[in-house]
């Protein structure tokens, strides 16, 4: 967060929320494996 602390904060919170949500979606296996792997990879890169 050295260059843009506010952006770092908001992005980190969104990233944490997606990761926590993925814990449950992976446990329930909804949606399917390929969809989750692709969507989470997109979230990682972005």
ModelCIF file with pLDDT and N, C-alpha, C, O atoms, coordinates in Angstrom:
data_MODEL
#
_entry.id   MODEL 
#
_entity.id                         1 
_entity.type                       polymer 
_entity.pdbx_number_of_molecules   1 
#
_entity_poly.entity_id                      1 
_entity_poly.type                           'polypeptide(L)' 
_entity_poly.nstd_linkage                   no 
_entity_poly.nstd_monomer                   no 
_entity_poly.pdbx_seq_one_letter_code       
;(UNK)(UNK)(UNK)(UNK)(UNK)(UNK)(UNK)(UNK)(UNK)(UNK)(UNK)(UNK)(UNK)(UNK)(UNK)(UNK)
(UNK)(UNK)(UNK)(UNK)(UNK)(UNK)(UNK)(UNK)(UNK)(UNK)(UNK)(UNK)(UNK)(UNK)(UNK)(UNK)
(UNK)(UNK)(UNK)(UNK)(UNK)(UNK)(UNK)(UNK)(UNK)(UNK)(UNK)(UNK)(UNK)(UNK)
;
_entity_poly.pdbx_seq_one_letter_code_can   XXXXXXXXXXXXXXXXXXXXXXXXXXXXXXXXXXXXXXXXXXXXXX 
_entity_poly.pdbx_strand_id                 A 
#
loop_
_entity_poly_seq.entity_id 
_entity_poly_seq.num 
_entity_poly_seq.mon_id 
_entity_poly_seq.hetero 
1 1  UNK n 
1 2  UNK n 
1 3  UNK n 
1 4  UNK n 
1 5  UNK n 
1 6  UNK n 
1 7  UNK n 
1 8  UNK n 
1 9  UNK n 
1 10 UNK n 
1 11 UNK n 
1 12 UNK n 
1 13 UNK n 
1 14 UNK n 
1 15 UNK n 
1 16 UNK n 
1 17 UNK n 
1 18 UNK n 
1 19 UNK n 
1 20 UNK n 
1 21 UNK n 
1 22 UNK n 
1 23 UNK n 
1 24 UNK n 
1 25 UNK n 
1 26 UNK n 
1 27 UNK n 
1 28 UNK n 
1 29 UNK n 
1 30 UNK n 
1 31 UNK n 
1 32 UNK n 
1 33 UNK n 
1 34 UNK n 
1 35 UNK n 
1 36 UNK n 
1 37 UNK n 
1 38 UNK n 
1 39 UNK n 
1 40 UNK n 
1 41 UNK n 
1 42 UNK n 
1 43 UNK n 
1 44 UNK n 
1 45 UNK n 
1 46 UNK n 
#
_struct_asym.id          A 
_struct_asym.entity_id   1 
#
loop_
_ma_qa_metric.id 
_ma_qa_metric.mode 
_ma_qa_metric.name 
_ma_qa_metric.software_group_id 
_ma_qa_metric.type 
1 global pLDDT . pLDDT 
2 local  pLDDT . pLDDT 
#
_ma_qa_metric_global.metric_id      1 
_ma_qa_metric_global.metric_value   96.20 
_ma_qa_metric_global.model_id       1 
_ma_qa_metric_global.ordinal_id     1 
#
loop_
_ma_qa_metric_local.label_asym_id 
_ma_qa_metric_local.label_comp_id 
_ma_qa_metric_local.label_seq_id 
_ma_qa_metric_local.metric_id 
_ma_qa_metric_local.metric_value 
_ma_qa_metric_local.model_id 
_ma_qa_metric_local.ordinal_id 
A UNK 1  2 92.00 1 1  
A UNK 2  2 91.00 1 2  
A UNK 3  2 90.00 1 3  
A UNK 4  2 92.00 1 4  
A UNK 5  2 93.00 1 5  
A UNK 6  2 94.00 1 6  
A UNK 7  2 95.00 1 7  
A UNK 8  2 96.00 1 8  
A UNK 9  2 96.00 1 9  
A UNK 10 2 97.00 1 10 
A UNK 11 2 97.00 1 11 
A UNK 12 2 96.00 1 12 
A UNK 13 2 97.00 1 13 
A UNK 14 2 98.00 1 14 
A UNK 15 2 98.00 1 15 
A UNK 16 2 97.00 1 16 
A UNK 17 2 98.00 1 17 
A UNK 18 2 98.00 1 18 
A UNK 19 2 98.00 1 19 
A UNK 20 2 98.00 1 20 
A UNK 21 2 98.00 1 21 
A UNK 22 2 98.00 1 22 
A UNK 23 2 98.00 1 23 
A UNK 24 2 98.00 1 24 
A UNK 25 2 98.00 1 25 
A UNK 26 2 97.00 1 26 
A UNK 27 2 96.00 1 27 
A UNK 28 2 97.00 1 28 
A UNK 29 2 95.00 1 29 
A UNK 30 2 95.00 1 30 
A UNK 31 2 96.00 1 31 
A UNK 32 2 96.00 1 32 
A UNK 33 2 96.00 1 33 
A UNK 34 2 94.00 1 34 
A UNK 35 2 96.00 1 35 
A UNK 36 2 97.00 1 36 
A UNK 37 2 97.00 1 37 
A UNK 38 2 96.00 1 38 
A UNK 39 2 97.00 1 39 
A UNK 40 2 97.00 1 40 
A UNK 41 2 97.00 1 41 
A UNK 42 2 97.00 1 42 
A UNK 43 2 97.00 1 43 
A UNK 44 2 97.00 1 44 
A UNK 45 2 97.00 1 45 
A UNK 46 2 97.00 1 46 
#
loop_
_atom_site.group_PDB 
_atom_site.id 
_atom_site.type_symbol 
_atom_site.label_atom_id 
_atom_site.label_alt_id 
_atom_site.label_comp_id 
_atom_site.label_asym_id 
_atom_site.label_entity_id 
_atom_site.label_seq_id 
_atom_site.pdbx_PDB_ins_code 
_atom_site.Cartn_x 
_atom_site.Cartn_y 
_atom_site.Cartn_z 
_atom_site.occupancy 
_atom_site.B_iso_or_equiv 
_atom_site.pdbx_formal_charge 
_atom_site.auth_seq_id 
_atom_site.auth_comp_id 
_atom_site.auth_asym_id 
_atom_site.auth_atom_id 
_atom_site.pdbx_PDB_model_num 
ATOM 1   N N  . UNK A 1 1  ? 0.790   -1.219  0.000   1.00 92.00 ? 1  UNK A N  1 
ATOM 2   C CA . UNK A 1 1  ? 0.000   0.000   0.000   1.00 92.00 ? 1  UNK A CA 1 
ATOM 3   C C  . UNK A 1 1  ? 0.824   1.271   0.000   1.00 92.00 ? 1  UNK A C  1 
ATOM 4   O O  . UNK A 1 1  ? 0.317   2.332   0.362   1.00 92.00 ? 1  UNK A O  1 
ATOM 5   N N  . UNK A 1 2  ? 2.071   1.189   -0.394  1.00 91.00 ? 2  UNK A N  1 
ATOM 6   C CA . UNK A 1 2  ? 2.969   2.339   -0.300  1.00 91.00 ? 2  UNK A CA 1 
ATOM 7   C C  . UNK A 1 2  ? 2.555   3.479   -1.229  1.00 91.00 ? 2  UNK A C  1 
ATOM 8   O O  . UNK A 1 2  ? 2.691   4.649   -0.870  1.00 91.00 ? 2  UNK A O  1 
ATOM 9   N N  . UNK A 1 3  ? 2.053   3.150   -2.412  1.00 90.00 ? 3  UNK A N  1 
ATOM 10  C CA . UNK A 1 3  ? 1.708   4.179   -3.395  1.00 90.00 ? 3  UNK A CA 1 
ATOM 11  C C  . UNK A 1 3  ? 0.275   4.684   -3.240  1.00 90.00 ? 3  UNK A C  1 
ATOM 12  O O  . UNK A 1 3  ? 0.026   5.886   -3.327  1.00 90.00 ? 3  UNK A O  1 
ATOM 13  N N  . UNK A 1 4  ? -0.664  3.767   -3.009  1.00 92.00 ? 4  UNK A N  1 
ATOM 14  C CA . UNK A 1 4  ? -2.082  4.139   -2.915  1.00 92.00 ? 4  UNK A CA 1 
ATOM 15  C C  . UNK A 1 4  ? -2.726  3.357   -1.765  1.00 92.00 ? 4  UNK A C  1 
ATOM 16  O O  . UNK A 1 4  ? -3.330  2.311   -2.003  1.00 92.00 ? 4  UNK A O  1 
ATOM 17  N N  . UNK A 1 5  ? -2.610  3.843   -0.529  1.00 93.00 ? 5  UNK A N  1 
ATOM 18  C CA . UNK A 1 5  ? -3.136  3.107   0.635   1.00 93.00 ? 5  UNK A CA 1 
ATOM 19  C C  . UNK A 1 5  ? -4.629  2.834   0.558   1.00 93.00 ? 5  UNK A C  1 
ATOM 20  O O  . UNK A 1 5  ? -5.071  1.745   0.925   1.00 93.00 ? 5  UNK A O  1 
ATOM 21  N N  . UNK A 1 6  ? -5.418  3.799   0.087   1.00 94.00 ? 6  UNK A N  1 
ATOM 22  C CA . UNK A 1 6  ? -6.864  3.598   -0.005  1.00 94.00 ? 6  UNK A CA 1 
ATOM 23  C C  . UNK A 1 6  ? -7.224  2.502   -0.987  1.00 94.00 ? 6  UNK A C  1 
ATOM 24  O O  . UNK A 1 6  ? -8.085  1.669   -0.702  1.00 94.00 ? 6  UNK A O  1 
ATOM 25  N N  . UNK A 1 7  ? -6.581  2.494   -2.128  1.00 95.00 ? 7  UNK A N  1 
ATOM 26  C CA . UNK A 1 7  ? -6.823  1.459   -3.124  1.00 95.00 ? 7  UNK A CA 1 
ATOM 27  C C  . UNK A 1 7  ? -6.386  0.092   -2.607  1.00 95.00 ? 7  UNK A C  1 
ATOM 28  O O  . UNK A 1 7  ? -7.049  -0.918  -2.845  1.00 95.00 ? 7  UNK A O  1 
ATOM 29  N N  . UNK A 1 8  ? -5.275  0.078   -1.906  1.00 96.00 ? 8  UNK A N  1 
ATOM 30  C CA . UNK A 1 8  ? -4.783  -1.174  -1.320  1.00 96.00 ? 8  UNK A CA 1 
ATOM 31  C C  . UNK A 1 8  ? -5.789  -1.723  -0.309  1.00 96.00 ? 8  UNK A C  1 
ATOM 32  O O  . UNK A 1 8  ? -6.048  -2.927  -0.287  1.00 96.00 ? 8  UNK A O  1 
ATOM 33  N N  . UNK A 1 9  ? -6.353  -0.861  0.519   1.00 96.00 ? 9  UNK A N  1 
ATOM 34  C CA . UNK A 1 9  ? -7.329  -1.278  1.526   1.00 96.00 ? 9  UNK A CA 1 
ATOM 35  C C  . UNK A 1 9  ? -8.575  -1.863  0.879   1.00 96.00 ? 9  UNK A C  1 
ATOM 36  O O  . UNK A 1 9  ? -8.993  -2.967  1.227   1.00 96.00 ? 9  UNK A O  1 
ATOM 37  N N  . UNK A 1 10 ? -9.173  -1.135  -0.059  1.00 97.00 ? 10 UNK A N  1 
ATOM 38  C CA . UNK A 1 10 ? -10.424 -1.590  -0.670  1.00 97.00 ? 10 UNK A CA 1 
ATOM 39  C C  . UNK A 1 10 ? -10.214 -2.883  -1.468  1.00 97.00 ? 10 UNK A C  1 
ATOM 40  O O  . UNK A 1 10 ? -11.052 -3.784  -1.417  1.00 97.00 ? 10 UNK A O  1 
ATOM 41  N N  . UNK A 1 11 ? -9.109  -2.976  -2.197  1.00 97.00 ? 11 UNK A N  1 
ATOM 42  C CA . UNK A 1 11 ? -8.851  -4.178  -2.985  1.00 97.00 ? 11 UNK A CA 1 
ATOM 43  C C  . UNK A 1 11 ? -8.591  -5.383  -2.091  1.00 97.00 ? 11 UNK A C  1 
ATOM 44  O O  . UNK A 1 11 ? -9.051  -6.486  -2.384  1.00 97.00 ? 11 UNK A O  1 
ATOM 45  N N  . UNK A 1 12 ? -7.864  -5.178  -1.014  1.00 96.00 ? 12 UNK A N  1 
ATOM 46  C CA . UNK A 1 12 ? -7.576  -6.273  -0.080  1.00 96.00 ? 12 UNK A CA 1 
ATOM 47  C C  . UNK A 1 12 ? -8.846  -6.803  0.568   1.00 96.00 ? 12 UNK A C  1 
ATOM 48  O O  . UNK A 1 12 ? -8.995  -8.010  0.756   1.00 96.00 ? 12 UNK A O  1 
ATOM 49  N N  . UNK A 1 13 ? -9.758  -5.903  0.910   1.00 97.00 ? 13 UNK A N  1 
ATOM 50  C CA . UNK A 1 13 ? -11.023 -6.321  1.521   1.00 97.00 ? 13 UNK A CA 1 
ATOM 51  C C  . UNK A 1 13 ? -11.857 -7.121  0.526   1.00 97.00 ? 13 UNK A C  1 
ATOM 52  O O  . UNK A 1 13 ? -12.430 -8.151  0.880   1.00 97.00 ? 13 UNK A O  1 
ATOM 53  N N  . UNK A 1 14 ? -11.926 -6.648  -0.724  1.00 98.00 ? 14 UNK A N  1 
ATOM 54  C CA . UNK A 1 14 ? -12.662 -7.381  -1.764  1.00 98.00 ? 14 UNK A CA 1 
ATOM 55  C C  . UNK A 1 14 ? -12.037 -8.761  -1.976  1.00 98.00 ? 14 UNK A C  1 
ATOM 56  O O  . UNK A 1 14 ? -12.751 -9.756  -2.096  1.00 98.00 ? 14 UNK A O  1 
ATOM 57  N N  . UNK A 1 15 ? -10.716 -8.819  -2.020  1.00 98.00 ? 15 UNK A N  1 
ATOM 58  C CA . UNK A 1 15 ? -10.001 -10.081 -2.201  1.00 98.00 ? 15 UNK A CA 1 
ATOM 59  C C  . UNK A 1 15 ? -10.295 -11.041 -1.054  1.00 98.00 ? 15 UNK A C  1 
ATOM 60  O O  . UNK A 1 15 ? -10.494 -12.236 -1.274  1.00 98.00 ? 15 UNK A O  1 
ATOM 61  N N  . UNK A 1 16 ? -10.321 -10.518 0.168   1.00 97.00 ? 16 UNK A N  1 
ATOM 62  C CA . UNK A 1 16 ? -10.618 -11.351 1.333   1.00 97.00 ? 16 UNK A CA 1 
ATOM 63  C C  . UNK A 1 16 ? -12.056 -11.870 1.289   1.00 97.00 ? 16 UNK A C  1 
ATOM 64  O O  . UNK A 1 16 ? -12.309 -13.028 1.621   1.00 97.00 ? 16 UNK A O  1 
ATOM 65  N N  . UNK A 1 17 ? -12.990 -11.022 0.885   1.00 98.00 ? 17 UNK A N  1 
ATOM 66  C CA . UNK A 1 17 ? -14.393 -11.438 0.802   1.00 98.00 ? 17 UNK A CA 1 
ATOM 67  C C  . UNK A 1 17 ? -14.578 -12.534 -0.242  1.00 98.00 ? 17 UNK A C  1 
ATOM 68  O O  . UNK A 1 17 ? -15.310 -13.497 -0.012  1.00 98.00 ? 17 UNK A O  1 
ATOM 69  N N  . UNK A 1 18 ? -13.917 -12.391 -1.385  1.00 98.00 ? 18 UNK A N  1 
ATOM 70  C CA . UNK A 1 18 ? -14.005 -13.427 -2.427  1.00 98.00 ? 18 UNK A CA 1 
ATOM 71  C C  . UNK A 1 18 ? -13.406 -14.736 -1.930  1.00 98.00 ? 18 UNK A C  1 
ATOM 72  O O  . UNK A 1 18 ? -13.959 -15.807 -2.180  1.00 98.00 ? 18 UNK A O  1 
ATOM 73  N N  . UNK A 1 19 ? -12.286 -14.656 -1.232  1.00 98.00 ? 19 UNK A N  1 
ATOM 74  C CA . UNK A 1 19 ? -11.624 -15.867 -0.718  1.00 98.00 ? 19 UNK A CA 1 
ATOM 75  C C  . UNK A 1 19 ? -12.475 -16.573 0.319   1.00 98.00 ? 19 UNK A C  1 
ATOM 76  O O  . UNK A 1 19 ? -12.570 -17.801 0.317   1.00 98.00 ? 19 UNK A O  1 
ATOM 77  N N  . UNK A 1 20 ? -13.097 -15.806 1.206   1.00 98.00 ? 20 UNK A N  1 
ATOM 78  C CA . UNK A 1 20 ? -13.975 -16.403 2.223   1.00 98.00 ? 20 UNK A CA 1 
ATOM 79  C C  . UNK A 1 20 ? -15.189 -17.038 1.563   1.00 98.00 ? 20 UNK A C  1 
ATOM 80  O O  . UNK A 1 20 ? -15.586 -18.142 1.936   1.00 98.00 ? 20 UNK A O  1 
ATOM 81  N N  . UNK A 1 21 ? -15.785 -16.358 0.587   1.00 98.00 ? 21 UNK A N  1 
ATOM 82  C CA . UNK A 1 21 ? -16.926 -16.913 -0.133  1.00 98.00 ? 21 UNK A CA 1 
ATOM 83  C C  . UNK A 1 21 ? -16.538 -18.199 -0.842  1.00 98.00 ? 21 UNK A C  1 
ATOM 84  O O  . UNK A 1 21 ? -17.323 -19.146 -0.894  1.00 98.00 ? 21 UNK A O  1 
ATOM 85  N N  . UNK A 1 22 ? -15.329 -18.236 -1.389  1.00 98.00 ? 22 UNK A N  1 
ATOM 86  C CA . UNK A 1 22 ? -14.863 -19.434 -2.101  1.00 98.00 ? 22 UNK A CA 1 
ATOM 87  C C  . UNK A 1 22 ? -14.715 -20.627 -1.180  1.00 98.00 ? 22 UNK A C  1 
ATOM 88  O O  . UNK A 1 22 ? -14.872 -21.768 -1.615  1.00 98.00 ? 22 UNK A O  1 
ATOM 89  N N  . UNK A 1 23 ? -14.413 -20.382 0.090   1.00 98.00 ? 23 UNK A N  1 
ATOM 90  C CA . UNK A 1 23 ? -14.318 -21.491 1.048   1.00 98.00 ? 23 UNK A CA 1 
ATOM 91  C C  . UNK A 1 23 ? -15.625 -22.278 1.085   1.00 98.00 ? 23 UNK A C  1 
ATOM 92  O O  . UNK A 1 23 ? -15.615 -23.508 1.094   1.00 98.00 ? 23 UNK A O  1 
ATOM 93  N N  . UNK A 1 24 ? -16.741 -21.567 1.107   1.00 98.00 ? 24 UNK A N  1 
ATOM 94  C CA . UNK A 1 24 ? -18.052 -22.217 1.173   1.00 98.00 ? 24 UNK A CA 1 
ATOM 95  C C  . UNK A 1 24 ? -18.475 -22.781 -0.181  1.00 98.00 ? 24 UNK A C  1 
ATOM 96  O O  . UNK A 1 24 ? -19.030 -23.877 -0.249  1.00 98.00 ? 24 UNK A O  1 
ATOM 97  N N  . UNK A 1 25 ? -18.218 -22.042 -1.252  1.00 98.00 ? 25 UNK A N  1 
ATOM 98  C CA . UNK A 1 25 ? -18.629 -22.530 -2.572  1.00 98.00 ? 25 UNK A CA 1 
ATOM 99  C C  . UNK A 1 25 ? -17.854 -23.779 -2.963  1.00 98.00 ? 25 UNK A C  1 
ATOM 100 O O  . UNK A 1 25 ? -18.401 -24.672 -3.609  1.00 98.00 ? 25 UNK A O  1 
ATOM 101 N N  . UNK A 1 26 ? -16.581 -23.851 -2.575  1.00 97.00 ? 26 UNK A N  1 
ATOM 102 C CA . UNK A 1 26 ? -15.804 -25.062 -2.846  1.00 97.00 ? 26 UNK A CA 1 
ATOM 103 C C  . UNK A 1 26 ? -16.302 -26.220 -1.990  1.00 97.00 ? 26 UNK A C  1 
ATOM 104 O O  . UNK A 1 26 ? -16.377 -27.356 -2.457  1.00 97.00 ? 26 UNK A O  1 
ATOM 105 N N  . UNK A 1 27 ? -16.640 -25.933 -0.745  1.00 96.00 ? 27 UNK A N  1 
ATOM 106 C CA . UNK A 1 27 ? -17.157 -26.985 0.144   1.00 96.00 ? 27 UNK A CA 1 
ATOM 107 C C  . UNK A 1 27 ? -18.464 -27.557 -0.394  1.00 96.00 ? 27 UNK A C  1 
ATOM 108 O O  . UNK A 1 27 ? -18.677 -28.769 -0.367  1.00 96.00 ? 27 UNK A O  1 
ATOM 109 N N  . UNK A 1 28 ? -19.337 -26.680 -0.881  1.00 97.00 ? 28 UNK A N  1 
ATOM 110 C CA . UNK A 1 28 ? -20.635 -27.123 -1.420  1.00 97.00 ? 28 UNK A CA 1 
ATOM 111 C C  . UNK A 1 28 ? -20.542 -27.567 -2.886  1.00 97.00 ? 28 UNK A C  1 
ATOM 112 O O  . UNK A 1 28 ? -21.469 -28.170 -3.427  1.00 97.00 ? 28 UNK A O  1 
ATOM 113 N N  . UNK A 1 29 ? -19.393 -27.251 -3.519  1.00 95.00 ? 29 UNK A N  1 
ATOM 114 C CA . UNK A 1 29 ? -19.159 -27.598 -4.928  1.00 95.00 ? 29 UNK A CA 1 
ATOM 115 C C  . UNK A 1 29 ? -20.210 -26.994 -5.860  1.00 95.00 ? 29 UNK A C  1 
ATOM 116 O O  . UNK A 1 29 ? -20.681 -27.633 -6.800  1.00 95.00 ? 29 UNK A O  1 
ATOM 117 N N  . UNK A 1 30 ? -20.555 -25.753 -5.566  1.00 95.00 ? 30 UNK A N  1 
ATOM 118 C CA . UNK A 1 30 ? -21.499 -24.987 -6.381  1.00 95.00 ? 30 UNK A CA 1 
ATOM 119 C C  . UNK A 1 30 ? -20.904 -23.606 -6.626  1.00 95.00 ? 30 UNK A C  1 
ATOM 120 O O  . UNK A 1 30 ? -20.635 -22.893 -5.660  1.00 95.00 ? 30 UNK A O  1 
ATOM 121 N N  . UNK A 1 31 ? -20.687 -23.196 -7.873  1.00 96.00 ? 31 UNK A N  1 
ATOM 122 C CA . UNK A 1 31 ? -20.914 -23.941 -9.126  1.00 96.00 ? 31 UNK A CA 1 
ATOM 123 C C  . UNK A 1 31 ? -19.875 -25.038 -9.339  1.00 96.00 ? 31 UNK A C  1 
ATOM 124 O O  . UNK A 1 31 ? -19.157 -25.405 -8.409  1.00 96.00 ? 31 UNK A O  1 
ATOM 125 N N  . UNK A 1 32 ? -19.797 -25.558 -10.556 1.00 96.00 ? 32 UNK A N  1 
ATOM 126 C CA . UNK A 1 32 ? -18.937 -26.698 -10.833 1.00 96.00 ? 32 UNK A CA 1 
ATOM 127 C C  . UNK A 1 32 ? -17.457 -26.316 -10.751 1.00 96.00 ? 32 UNK A C  1 
ATOM 128 O O  . UNK A 1 32 ? -17.105 -25.138 -10.678 1.00 96.00 ? 32 UNK A O  1 
ATOM 129 N N  . UNK A 1 33 ? -16.609 -27.331 -10.763 1.00 96.00 ? 33 UNK A N  1 
ATOM 130 C CA . UNK A 1 33 ? -15.170 -27.142 -10.578 1.00 96.00 ? 33 UNK A CA 1 
ATOM 131 C C  . UNK A 1 33 ? -14.559 -26.198 -11.611 1.00 96.00 ? 33 UNK A C  1 
ATOM 132 O O  . UNK A 1 33 ? -13.845 -25.261 -11.254 1.00 96.00 ? 33 UNK A O  1 
ATOM 133 N N  . UNK A 1 34 ? -14.840 -26.445 -12.891 1.00 94.00 ? 34 UNK A N  1 
ATOM 134 C CA . UNK A 1 34 ? -14.237 -25.635 -13.953 1.00 94.00 ? 34 UNK A CA 1 
ATOM 135 C C  . UNK A 1 34 ? -14.619 -24.163 -13.822 1.00 94.00 ? 34 UNK A C  1 
ATOM 136 O O  . UNK A 1 34 ? -13.783 -23.280 -14.018 1.00 94.00 ? 34 UNK A O  1 
ATOM 137 N N  . UNK A 1 35 ? -15.889 -23.902 -13.490 1.00 96.00 ? 35 UNK A N  1 
ATOM 138 C CA . UNK A 1 35 ? -16.343 -22.515 -13.355 1.00 96.00 ? 35 UNK A CA 1 
ATOM 139 C C  . UNK A 1 35 ? -15.652 -21.818 -12.192 1.00 96.00 ? 35 UNK A C  1 
ATOM 140 O O  . UNK A 1 35 ? -15.208 -20.677 -12.316 1.00 96.00 ? 35 UNK A O  1 
ATOM 141 N N  . UNK A 1 36 ? -15.564 -22.507 -11.066 1.00 97.00 ? 36 UNK A N  1 
ATOM 142 C CA . UNK A 1 36 ? -14.928 -21.899 -9.900  1.00 97.00 ? 36 UNK A CA 1 
ATOM 143 C C  . UNK A 1 36 ? -13.443 -21.655 -10.133 1.00 97.00 ? 36 UNK A C  1 
ATOM 144 O O  . UNK A 1 36 ? -12.923 -20.595 -9.783  1.00 97.00 ? 36 UNK A O  1 
ATOM 145 N N  . UNK A 1 37 ? -12.761 -22.628 -10.721 1.00 97.00 ? 37 UNK A N  1 
ATOM 146 C CA . UNK A 1 37 ? -11.329 -22.474 -10.975 1.00 97.00 ? 37 UNK A CA 1 
ATOM 147 C C  . UNK A 1 37 ? -11.071 -21.297 -11.916 1.00 97.00 ? 37 UNK A C  1 
ATOM 148 O O  . UNK A 1 37 ? -10.137 -20.523 -11.703 1.00 97.00 ? 37 UNK A O  1 
ATOM 149 N N  . UNK A 1 38 ? -11.896 -21.163 -12.952 1.00 96.00 ? 38 UNK A N  1 
ATOM 150 C CA . UNK A 1 38 ? -11.718 -20.073 -13.915 1.00 96.00 ? 38 UNK A CA 1 
ATOM 151 C C  . UNK A 1 38 ? -12.017 -18.714 -13.285 1.00 96.00 ? 38 UNK A C  1 
ATOM 152 O O  . UNK A 1 38 ? -11.258 -17.764 -13.476 1.00 96.00 ? 38 UNK A O  1 
ATOM 153 N N  . UNK A 1 39 ? -13.115 -18.614 -12.536 1.00 97.00 ? 39 UNK A N  1 
ATOM 154 C CA . UNK A 1 39 ? -13.495 -17.343 -11.925 1.00 97.00 ? 39 UNK A CA 1 
ATOM 155 C C  . UNK A 1 39 ? -12.492 -16.903 -10.862 1.00 97.00 ? 39 UNK A C  1 
ATOM 156 O O  . UNK A 1 39 ? -12.154 -15.722 -10.775 1.00 97.00 ? 39 UNK A O  1 
ATOM 157 N N  . UNK A 1 40 ? -12.019 -17.844 -10.063 1.00 97.00 ? 40 UNK A N  1 
ATOM 158 C CA . UNK A 1 40 ? -11.049 -17.497 -9.025  1.00 97.00 ? 40 UNK A CA 1 
ATOM 159 C C  . UNK A 1 40 ? -9.704  -17.101 -9.635  1.00 97.00 ? 40 UNK A C  1 
ATOM 160 O O  . UNK A 1 40 ? -9.015  -16.228 -9.107  1.00 97.00 ? 40 UNK A O  1 
ATOM 161 N N  . UNK A 1 41 ? -9.334  -17.734 -10.733 1.00 97.00 ? 41 UNK A N  1 
ATOM 162 C CA . UNK A 1 41 ? -8.097  -17.357 -11.414 1.00 97.00 ? 41 UNK A CA 1 
ATOM 163 C C  . UNK A 1 41 ? -8.204  -15.938 -11.968 1.00 97.00 ? 41 UNK A C  1 
ATOM 164 O O  . UNK A 1 41 ? -7.247  -15.167 -11.911 1.00 97.00 ? 41 UNK A O  1 
ATOM 165 N N  . UNK A 1 42 ? -9.374  -15.602 -12.503 1.00 97.00 ? 42 UNK A N  1 
ATOM 166 C CA . UNK A 1 42 ? -9.596  -14.243 -12.994 1.00 97.00 ? 42 UNK A CA 1 
ATOM 167 C C  . UNK A 1 42 ? -9.497  -13.234 -11.850 1.00 97.00 ? 42 UNK A C  1 
ATOM 168 O O  . UNK A 1 42 ? -8.904  -12.167 -12.004 1.00 97.00 ? 42 UNK A O  1 
ATOM 169 N N  . UNK A 1 43 ? -10.080 -13.578 -10.711 1.00 97.00 ? 43 UNK A N  1 
ATOM 170 C CA . UNK A 1 43 ? -10.009 -12.692 -9.545  1.00 97.00 ? 43 UNK A CA 1 
ATOM 171 C C  . UNK A 1 43 ? -8.574  -12.528 -9.081  1.00 97.00 ? 43 UNK A C  1 
ATOM 172 O O  . UNK A 1 43 ? -8.162  -11.429 -8.711  1.00 97.00 ? 43 UNK A O  1 
ATOM 173 N N  . UNK A 1 44 ? -7.807  -13.612 -9.099  1.00 97.00 ? 44 UNK A N  1 
ATOM 174 C CA . UNK A 1 44 ? -6.398  -13.530 -8.694  1.00 97.00 ? 44 UNK A CA 1 
ATOM 175 C C  . UNK A 1 44 ? -5.623  -12.557 -9.570  1.00 97.00 ? 44 UNK A C  1 
ATOM 176 O O  . UNK A 1 44 ? -4.934  -11.669 -9.069  1.00 97.00 ? 44 UNK A O  1 
ATOM 177 N N  . UNK A 1 45 ? -5.740  -12.732 -10.872 1.00 97.00 ? 45 UNK A N  1 
ATOM 178 C CA . UNK A 1 45 ? -4.980  -11.886 -11.801 1.00 97.00 ? 45 UNK A CA 1 
ATOM 179 C C  . UNK A 1 45 ? -5.384  -10.425 -11.647 1.00 97.00 ? 45 UNK A C  1 
ATOM 180 O O  . UNK A 1 45 ? -4.525  -9.545  -11.579 1.00 97.00 ? 45 UNK A O  1 
ATOM 181 N N  . UNK A 1 46 ? -6.681  -10.165 -11.592 1.00 97.00 ? 46 UNK A N  1 
ATOM 182 C CA . UNK A 1 46 ? -7.174  -8.787  -11.523 1.00 97.00 ? 46 UNK A CA 1 
ATOM 183 C C  . UNK A 1 46 ? -6.795  -8.109  -10.211 1.00 97.00 ? 46 UNK A C  1 
ATOM 184 O O  . UNK A 1 46 ? -7.135  -6.946  -9.996  1.00 97.00 ? 46 UNK A O  1 
#
